[in-house]
C-alpha atoms as a PDB file:
ATOM      1  CA  UNK A   1      -0.612  -9.290   3.567  1.00  0.00           C
ATOM      2  CA  UNK A   2       2.005 -11.884   4.241  1.00  0.00           C
ATOM      3  CA  UNK A   3       1.305 -14.737   1.784  1.00  0.00           C
ATOM      4  CA  UNK A   4       2.381 -14.191  -1.806  1.00  0.00           C
ATOM      5  CA  UNK A   5       1.898 -16.740  -4.583  1.00  0.00           C
ATOM      6  CA  UNK A   6       4.704 -17.214  -7.091  1.00  0.00           C
ATOM      7  CA  UNK A   7       4.462 -18.999 -10.431  1.00  0.00           C
ATOM      8  CA  UNK A   8       6.520 -19.141 -13.608  1.00  0.00           C
ATOM      9  CA  UNK A   9       7.081 -21.054 -16.776  1.00  0.00           C
ATOM     10  CA  UNK A  10      10.543 -22.388 -17.648  1.00  0.00           C
ATOM     11  CA  UNK A  11      11.732 -18.993 -18.892  1.00  0.00           C
ATOM     12  CA  UNK A  12      10.787 -17.370 -15.588  1.00  0.00           C
ATOM     13  CA  UNK A  13      11.997 -20.163 -13.298  1.00  0.00           C
ATOM     14  CA  UNK A  14      15.336 -18.614 -12.300  1.00  0.00           C
ATOM     15  CA  UNK A  15      13.839 -15.180 -11.589  1.00  0.00           C
ATOM     16  CA  UNK A  16      10.992 -16.807  -9.625  1.00  0.00           C
ATOM     17  CA  UNK A  17      13.535 -18.563  -7.421  1.00  0.00           C
ATOM     18  CA  UNK A  18      15.355 -15.276  -6.803  1.00  0.00           C
ATOM     19  CA  UNK A  19      12.090 -13.482  -5.964  1.00  0.00           C
ATOM     20  CA  UNK A  20      11.127 -16.269  -3.551  1.00  0.00           C
ATOM     21  CA  UNK A  21      14.402 -15.782  -1.678  1.00  0.00           C
ATOM     22  CA  UNK A  22      13.969 -11.994  -1.733  1.00  0.00           C
ATOM     23  CA  UNK A  23      10.439 -12.240  -0.334  1.00  0.00           C
ATOM     24  CA  UNK A  24      11.510 -14.685   2.370  1.00  0.00           C
ATOM     25  CA  UNK A  25      14.218 -12.211   3.432  1.00  0.00           C
ATOM     26  CA  UNK A  26      11.502  -9.540   3.674  1.00  0.00           C
ATOM     27  CA  UNK A  27       9.346 -11.737   5.927  1.00  0.00           C
ATOM     28  CA  UNK A  28       6.752 -12.849   3.411  1.00  0.00           C
ATOM     29  CA  UNK A  29       5.423 -16.368   3.232  1.00  0.00           C
ATOM     30  CA  UNK A  30       5.454 -17.583  -0.356  1.00  0.00           C
ATOM     31  CA  UNK A  31       3.454 -20.243  -2.126  1.00  0.00           C
ATOM     32  CA  UNK A  32       5.524 -21.724  -4.932  1.00  0.00           C
ATOM     33  CA  UNK A  33       3.136 -22.884  -7.643  1.00  0.00           C
ATOM     34  CA  UNK A  34       5.841 -24.033 -10.034  1.00  0.00           C
ATOM     35  CA  UNK A  35       7.420 -24.626 -12.337  1.00  0.00           C
ATOM     36  CA  UNK A  36      10.158 -26.269 -10.332  1.00  0.00           C
ATOM     37  CA  UNK A  37      12.899 -26.508 -12.951  1.00  0.00           C
ATOM     38  CA  UNK A  38      13.841 -25.258 -16.403  1.00  0.00           C
ATOM     39  CA  UNK A  39      12.118 -28.022 -18.344  1.00  0.00           C
ATOM     40  CA  UNK A  40       9.687 -26.536 -20.881  1.00  0.00           C
ATOM     41  CA  UNK A  41       6.403 -25.551 -19.236  1.00  0.00           C
ATOM     42  CA  UNK A  42       3.424 -23.683 -20.655  1.00  0.00           C
ATOM     43  CA  UNK A  43       2.701 -20.247 -19.155  1.00  0.00           C
ATOM     44  CA  UNK A  44      -1.103 -20.760 -19.236  1.00  0.00           C
ATOM     45  CA  UNK A  45      -0.657 -23.557 -16.699  1.00  0.00           C
ATOM     46  CA  UNK A  46       1.279 -21.217 -14.411  1.00  0.00           C
ATOM     47  CA  UNK A  47      -1.350 -18.501 -14.860  1.00  0.00           C
ATOM     48  CA  UNK A  48      -4.190 -20.912 -14.053  1.00  0.00           C
ATOM     49  CA  UNK A  49      -2.456 -22.129 -10.890  1.00  0.00           C
ATOM     50  CA  UNK A  50      -1.917 -18.519  -9.814  1.00  0.00           C
ATOM     51  CA  UNK A  51      -5.488 -17.510 -10.574  1.00  0.00           C
ATOM     52  CA  UNK A  52      -7.006 -20.416  -8.695  1.00  0.00           C
ATOM     53  CA  UNK A  53      -4.990 -19.705  -5.552  1.00  0.00           C
ATOM     54  CA  UNK A  54      -6.095 -16.070  -5.577  1.00  0.00           C
ATOM     55  CA  UNK A  55      -9.719 -16.949  -6.391  1.00  0.00           C
ATOM     56  CA  UNK A  56      -9.732 -19.374  -3.445  1.00  0.00           C
ATOM     57  CA  UNK A  57      -8.338 -16.702  -1.110  1.00  0.00           C
ATOM     58  CA  UNK A  58      -5.171 -18.673  -0.331  1.00  0.00           C
ATOM     59  CA  UNK A  59      -3.086 -15.658  -1.378  1.00  0.00           C
ATOM     60  CA  UNK A  60      -4.066 -12.029  -1.772  1.00  0.00           C
ATOM     61  CA  UNK A  61      -1.533 -11.239  -4.475  1.00  0.00           C
ATOM     62  CA  UNK A  62       0.742 -13.072  -6.826  1.00  0.00           C
ATOM     63  CA  UNK A  63       3.832 -12.694  -8.957  1.00  0.00           C
ATOM     64  CA  UNK A  64       3.738 -14.437 -12.321  1.00  0.00           C
ATOM     65  CA  UNK A  65       6.838 -14.667 -14.500  1.00  0.00           C
ATOM     66  CA  UNK A  66       7.446 -15.814 -18.063  1.00  0.00           C
ATOM     67  CA  UNK A  67       9.960 -14.792 -20.729  1.00  0.00           C
ATOM     68  CA  UNK A  68       8.363 -11.511 -21.759  1.00  0.00           C
ATOM     69  CA  UNK A  69       5.574 -11.343 -19.169  1.00  0.00           C
ATOM     70  CA  UNK A  70       3.039 -10.822 -21.965  1.00  0.00           C
ATOM     71  CA  UNK A  71       1.720 -14.351 -22.385  1.00  0.00           C
ATOM     72  CA  UNK A  72       1.387 -14.921 -18.653  1.00  0.00           C
ATOM     73  CA  UNK A  73      -0.473 -11.614 -18.294  1.00  0.00           C
ATOM     74  CA  UNK A  74      -2.889 -12.418 -21.120  1.00  0.00           C
ATOM     75  CA  UNK A  75      -3.597 -15.871 -19.676  1.00  0.00           C
ATOM     76  CA  UNK A  76      -4.063 -14.656 -16.097  1.00  0.00           C
ATOM     77  CA  UNK A  77      -6.527 -11.972 -17.150  1.00  0.00           C
ATOM     78  CA  UNK A  78      -8.822 -14.632 -18.615  1.00  0.00           C
ATOM     79  CA  UNK A  79      -9.703 -15.735 -15.099  1.00  0.00           C
ATOM     80  CA  UNK A  80     -12.540 -14.126 -13.184  1.00  0.00           C
ATOM     81  CA  UNK A  81     -11.365 -11.809 -10.435  1.00  0.00           C
ATOM     82  CA  UNK A  82      -7.786 -11.716 -11.635  1.00  0.00           C
ATOM     83  CA  UNK A  83      -6.407  -8.320 -12.517  1.00  0.00           C
ATOM     84  CA  UNK A  84      -2.901  -8.922 -13.806  1.00  0.00           C
ATOM     85  CA  UNK A  85      -0.585  -6.146 -14.898  1.00  0.00           C
ATOM     86  CA  UNK A  86       2.644  -6.425 -16.840  1.00  0.00           C
ATOM     87  CA  UNK A  87       5.008  -3.965 -15.187  1.00  0.00           C
ATOM     88  CA  UNK A  88       8.596  -3.211 -16.056  1.00  0.00           C
ATOM     89  CA  UNK A  89       8.740   0.144 -14.251  1.00  0.00           C
ATOM     90  CA  UNK A  90       7.899   1.144 -10.676  1.00  0.00           C
ATOM     91  CA  UNK A  91       5.340   3.762 -11.695  1.00  0.00           C
ATOM     92  CA  UNK A  92       3.164   1.112 -13.361  1.00  0.00           C
ATOM     93  CA  UNK A  93       3.633  -1.324 -10.472  1.00  0.00           C
ATOM     94  CA  UNK A  94       2.442   1.295  -7.975  1.00  0.00           C
ATOM     95  CA  UNK A  95      -0.325   2.864 -10.031  1.00  0.00           C
ATOM     96  CA  UNK A  96      -1.538  -0.549 -11.195  1.00  0.00           C
ATOM     97  CA  UNK A  97      -2.430  -1.313  -7.592  1.00  0.00           C
ATOM     98  CA  UNK A  98      -3.534   2.193  -6.544  1.00  0.00           C
ATOM     99  CA  UNK A  99      -5.871   2.781  -9.496  1.00  0.00           C
ATOM    100  CA  UNK A 100      -6.599  -0.635 -11.034  1.00  0.00           C
ATOM    101  CA  UNK A 101      -6.287  -2.841  -7.944  1.00  0.00           C
ATOM    102  CA  UNK A 102      -4.099  -5.380  -9.751  1.00  0.00           C
ATOM    103  CA  UNK A 103      -3.610  -8.535  -7.733  1.00  0.00           C
ATOM    104  CA  UNK A 104      -1.038 -10.215  -9.990  1.00  0.00           C
ATOM    105  CA  UNK A 105       2.251  -8.649 -11.023  1.00  0.00           C
ATOM    106  CA  UNK A 106       3.558 -10.095 -14.287  1.00  0.00           C
ATOM    107  CA  UNK A 107       7.253  -9.843 -15.050  1.00  0.00           C
ATOM    108  CA  UNK A 108       9.342 -10.679 -18.089  1.00  0.00           C
ATOM    109  CA  UNK A 109      12.465 -12.544 -17.021  1.00  0.00           C
ATOM    110  CA  UNK A 110      14.079 -11.947 -20.414  1.00  0.00           C
ATOM    111  CA  UNK A 111      13.270  -8.231 -20.239  1.00  0.00           C
ATOM    112  CA  UNK A 112      14.337  -7.144 -16.754  1.00  0.00           C
ATOM    113  CA  UNK A 113      17.096  -8.062 -14.353  1.00  0.00           C
ATOM    114  CA  UNK A 114      17.013  -9.238 -10.769  1.00  0.00           C
ATOM    115  CA  UNK A 115      17.505  -5.825  -9.126  1.00  0.00           C
ATOM    116  CA  UNK A 116      14.696  -4.173 -11.083  1.00  0.00           C
ATOM    117  CA  UNK A 117      12.475  -7.177 -10.353  1.00  0.00           C
ATOM    118  CA  UNK A 118      13.096  -6.660  -6.626  1.00  0.00           C
ATOM    119  CA  UNK A 119      12.127  -2.987  -6.919  1.00  0.00           C
ATOM    120  CA  UNK A 120       8.967  -3.871  -8.836  1.00  0.00           C
ATOM    121  CA  UNK A 121       7.937  -6.571  -6.375  1.00  0.00           C
ATOM    122  CA  UNK A 122       8.544  -4.263  -3.415  1.00  0.00           C
ATOM    123  CA  UNK A 123       6.567  -1.441  -5.041  1.00  0.00           C
ATOM    124  CA  UNK A 124       3.699  -3.760  -6.000  1.00  0.00           C
ATOM    125  CA  UNK A 125       3.425  -5.244  -2.523  1.00  0.00           C
ATOM    126  CA  UNK A 126       3.617  -1.941  -0.664  1.00  0.00           C
ATOM    127  CA  UNK A 127       0.983  -0.206  -2.819  1.00  0.00           C
ATOM    128  CA  UNK A 128      -2.675  -0.093  -1.767  1.00  0.00           C
ATOM    129  CA  UNK A 129      -5.840   0.486  -3.799  1.00  0.00           C
ATOM    130  CA  UNK A 130      -7.060   4.050  -3.209  1.00  0.00           C
ATOM    131  CA  UNK A 131     -10.742   3.141  -3.356  1.00  0.00           C
ATOM    132  CA  UNK A 132     -11.512   6.498  -4.978  1.00  0.00           C
ATOM    133  CA  UNK A 133     -14.942   6.618  -6.600  1.00  0.00           C
ATOM    134  CA  UNK A 134     -13.620   6.887 -10.152  1.00  0.00           C
ATOM    135  CA  UNK A 135     -11.379   3.844  -9.689  1.00  0.00           C
ATOM    136  CA  UNK A 136     -14.111   1.808  -7.982  1.00  0.00           C
ATOM    137  CA  UNK A 137     -16.516   2.716 -10.794  1.00  0.00           C
ATOM    138  CA  UNK A 138     -14.054   1.548 -13.428  1.00  0.00           C
ATOM    139  CA  UNK A 139     -13.399  -1.709 -11.590  1.00  0.00           C
ATOM    140  CA  UNK A 140     -17.144  -2.348 -11.410  1.00  0.00           C
ATOM    141  CA  UNK A 141     -17.284  -2.004 -15.184  1.00  0.00           C
ATOM    142  CA  UNK A 142     -14.428  -4.479 -15.554  1.00  0.00           C
ATOM    143  CA  UNK A 143     -16.152  -6.932 -13.214  1.00  0.00           C
ATOM    144  CA  UNK A 144     -19.320  -6.649 -15.315  1.00  0.00           C
ATOM    145  CA  UNK A 145     -17.279  -7.494 -18.411  1.00  0.00           C
ATOM    146  CA  UNK A 146     -16.311 -10.797 -16.767  1.00  0.00           C
ATOM    147  CA  UNK A 147     -19.985 -11.761 -16.950  1.00  0.00           C
ATOM    148  CA  UNK A 148     -19.779 -12.200 -20.727  1.00  0.00           C
ATOM    149  CA  UNK A 149     -21.642 -10.623 -23.644  1.00  0.00           C
ATOM    150  CA  UNK A 150     -24.398  -8.232 -22.661  1.00  0.00           C
ATOM    151  CA  UNK A 151     -23.197  -7.768 -19.074  1.00  0.00           C
ATOM    152  CA  UNK A 152     -23.561  -4.212 -17.825  1.00  0.00           C
ATOM    153  CA  UNK A 153     -22.022  -2.238 -14.989  1.00  0.00           C
END
């Protein structure tokens, strides 16, 4: 995995820029989906751009940043095939991938600092889904939920 999508609203812009530089230093190719400045921008637009890139297979994983991380996470999880997790600790960033196969890491720029963000991004990107039966079974149930009312796993 070398291509990582990055997106943010205005509150997450500065941290997004710092994470882009960090990822470039680590040898990752990044796709910057905006926003490109600190002018007010709506986090659902950032989440949609992120989700579409992942749905289309242009990036395997993404990092989505807003002020708290909450709104971006809620919006991203509305999209089919997107499993976004709000993580402000390394345990959640690792286990979110290992057990829940999250493909979008959501961060709150007003909640965490740059150094913790780097740790979280590194942990998220180095983790791999275990594929254990219990985790695969649970993900199948989540996928069925994306089908709407009455869908069954």
